[in-house]
Amino acid sequence: MPLIIRTAEKDDLNQLTDLMYQYIVDFYKRPKPPIENIHRLIETLLQKKKGIQFIAEEDGRLLGFSTLYFSFSTTKADKITIMNDLFVVENARGTGVGQELFKQCEKYTKENEYAHMGWVTATDNYNAQRFYEKMGGSQSNWLNYSI
């Protein structure tokens, strides 16, 4: 069966929860959030008002996901999307799944007339940096801070 890129649905809850834990805990080595928090986030994104989640599916198995959050830019005086997540399971990396998820985010941004799609990645995630450059992205002049 071919690769399908689509918006997440309620029936994806269990597999998507597992993918998000792989992303948070295994990949980024962050503490495991309570399952209620993961489910609340997924439910929020299913409403498509504050953001949207896309999934990559093949033969009924989820291979990855991407998340767009909706925001605004004062300097653009317009609405923007922020691609907060792009994750592909390890055995599907390098197969084009990430590219298709990225393209879907870009397509959604353009079709819904957002002014811009931005994203960040870890400074030591060189594979992601090469991937984003390959997809046409470039580093901005802005530095990110957090508390």
Protein backbone atom coordinates (compact mmCIF):
# COMPACT_ATOMS: atom_id res chain seq x y z
CA MET A 1 0.00 0.00 0.00
CA PRO A 2 1.30 3.49 -0.79
CA LEU A 3 2.26 6.11 1.75
CA ILE A 4 -0.68 8.30 2.78
CA ILE A 5 -0.24 11.77 4.27
CA ARG A 6 -3.41 13.01 5.95
CA THR A 7 -4.71 14.94 8.92
CA ALA A 8 -4.84 13.07 12.20
CA GLU A 9 -8.19 11.61 13.21
CA LYS A 10 -9.67 10.41 16.50
CA ASP A 11 -9.01 6.76 15.49
CA ASP A 12 -5.27 7.56 15.40
CA LEU A 13 -5.16 8.37 19.13
CA ASN A 14 -3.32 5.25 20.33
CA GLN A 15 -0.72 5.07 17.56
CA LEU A 16 -0.20 8.83 17.60
CA THR A 17 0.27 8.79 21.37
CA ASP A 18 2.98 6.15 20.93
CA LEU A 19 4.68 8.21 18.21
CA MET A 20 4.61 11.32 20.37
CA TYR A 21 6.23 9.43 23.26
CA GLN A 22 8.95 8.17 20.89
CA TYR A 23 9.52 11.77 19.80
CA ILE A 24 9.49 13.31 23.29
CA VAL A 25 11.16 10.62 25.40
CA ASP A 26 13.29 8.53 23.03
CA PHE A 27 14.40 11.15 20.51
CA TYR A 28 14.56 14.35 22.59
CA LYS A 29 15.27 12.60 25.93
CA ARG A 30 12.63 14.65 27.75
CA PRO A 31 10.56 13.47 30.72
CA LYS A 32 7.48 11.44 29.80
CA PRO A 33 4.39 13.67 30.06
CA PRO A 34 1.26 12.17 31.58
CA ILE A 35 -0.89 10.42 28.99
CA GLU A 36 -3.76 12.79 29.83
CA ASN A 37 -1.63 15.71 28.66
CA ILE A 38 -0.75 13.97 25.39
CA HIS A 39 -4.40 13.12 24.76
CA ARG A 40 -5.51 16.68 25.59
CA LEU A 41 -2.98 18.05 23.10
CA ILE A 42 -4.08 15.63 20.38
CA GLU A 43 -7.75 16.47 21.06
CA THR A 44 -6.94 20.21 20.76
CA LEU A 45 -5.21 19.66 17.43
CA LEU A 46 -8.08 17.51 16.13
CA GLN A 47 -10.29 20.61 16.43
CA LYS A 48 -8.02 22.42 13.90
CA LYS A 49 -8.50 25.82 15.55
CA LYS A 50 -5.15 26.31 17.30
CA GLY A 51 -3.16 23.96 15.12
CA ILE A 52 -3.29 20.81 13.03
CA GLN A 53 -1.47 17.49 12.98
CA PHE A 54 -0.60 15.50 9.89
CA ILE A 55 0.34 11.84 9.93
CA ALA A 56 2.15 9.53 7.54
CA GLU A 57 0.48 6.14 7.25
CA GLU A 58 1.43 2.99 5.39
CA ASP A 59 -0.49 -0.28 5.62
CA GLY A 60 -2.44 1.03 8.63
CA ARG A 61 0.74 1.83 10.57
CA LEU A 62 1.70 5.41 11.47
CA LEU A 63 5.28 6.21 10.41
CA GLY A 64 5.47 9.84 11.49
CA PHE A 65 3.71 13.08 12.24
CA SER A 66 4.09 16.81 11.83
CA THR A 67 2.39 19.56 13.80
CA LEU A 68 1.54 23.09 12.73
CA TYR A 69 0.50 25.68 15.30
CA PHE A 70 -1.34 28.80 14.22
CA SER A 71 0.04 32.14 15.33
CA PHE A 72 0.65 35.72 14.18
CA SER A 73 3.63 37.84 13.25
CA THR A 74 3.58 41.49 14.16
CA THR A 75 6.41 42.27 11.71
CA LYS A 76 4.43 40.65 8.88
CA ALA A 77 1.11 41.97 10.23
CA ASP A 78 -0.37 38.62 9.28
CA LYS A 79 -1.11 35.09 10.40
CA ILE A 80 1.66 32.46 10.28
CA THR A 81 2.16 28.76 10.95
CA ILE A 82 4.85 27.28 13.15
CA MET A 83 5.91 23.73 12.37
CA ASN A 84 6.61 22.63 15.91
CA ASP A 85 7.17 18.95 15.18
CA LEU A 86 8.36 16.75 12.35
CA PHE A 87 9.04 13.18 13.44
CA VAL A 88 9.55 9.95 11.51
CA VAL A 89 10.12 6.56 13.12
CA GLU A 90 13.73 5.44 12.83
CA ASN A 91 13.22 2.61 10.34
CA ALA A 92 11.35 4.95 7.94
CA ARG A 93 13.90 7.78 7.95
CA GLY A 94 15.53 8.46 4.61
CA THR A 95 12.57 7.00 2.70
CA GLY A 96 10.85 10.30 1.85
CA VAL A 97 8.30 10.22 4.69
CA GLY A 98 9.75 13.37 6.27
CA GLN A 99 9.74 15.18 2.94
CA GLU A 100 6.08 14.36 2.39
CA LEU A 101 5.10 15.53 5.87
CA PHE A 102 7.08 18.76 5.38
CA LYS A 103 5.48 19.35 1.97
CA GLN A 104 2.02 18.85 3.48
CA CYS A 105 2.76 21.51 6.12
CA GLU A 106 4.03 23.88 3.45
CA LYS A 107 1.00 23.16 1.22
CA TYR A 108 -1.43 23.76 4.09
CA THR A 109 0.30 27.04 4.94
CA LYS A 110 0.04 28.31 1.36
CA GLU A 111 -3.47 27.03 0.64
CA ASN A 112 -4.81 28.67 3.79
CA GLU A 113 -3.06 31.96 3.02
CA TYR A 114 -0.69 32.08 5.96
CA ALA A 115 2.11 34.57 5.34
CA HIS A 116 4.91 32.33 6.46
CA MET A 117 5.84 28.94 7.92
CA GLY A 118 8.60 28.90 10.50
CA TRP A 119 10.23 26.18 12.57
CA VAL A 120 13.13 25.53 14.92
CA THR A 121 15.36 22.55 15.55
CA ALA A 122 17.96 21.71 18.13
CA THR A 123 21.40 23.24 17.50
CA ASP A 124 22.98 19.77 17.59
CA ASN A 125 20.41 18.12 15.28
CA TYR A 126 22.59 18.26 12.18
CA ASN A 127 20.50 15.72 10.26
CA ALA A 128 17.42 17.94 10.65
CA GLN A 129 19.39 21.02 9.66
CA ARG A 130 20.59 19.32 6.44
CA PHE A 131 17.04 18.12 5.77
CA TYR A 132 15.53 21.60 6.20
CA GLU A 133 18.17 23.14 3.94
CA LYS A 134 17.41 20.46 1.34
CA MET A 135 13.71 21.39 1.59
CA GLY A 136 14.56 25.04 0.79
CA GLY A 137 14.74 26.41 4.33
CA SER A 138 17.41 28.74 5.59
CA GLN A 139 18.47 29.89 9.03
CA SER A 140 16.97 33.18 10.06
CA ASN A 141 18.63 36.09 11.80
CA TRP A 142 16.57 35.50 14.94
CA LEU A 143 17.80 33.72 18.07
CA ASN A 144 15.40 31.63 20.11
CA TYR A 145 15.24 31.91 23.89
CA SER A 146 13.19 30.04 26.47
CA ILE A 147 12.59 30.00 30.21
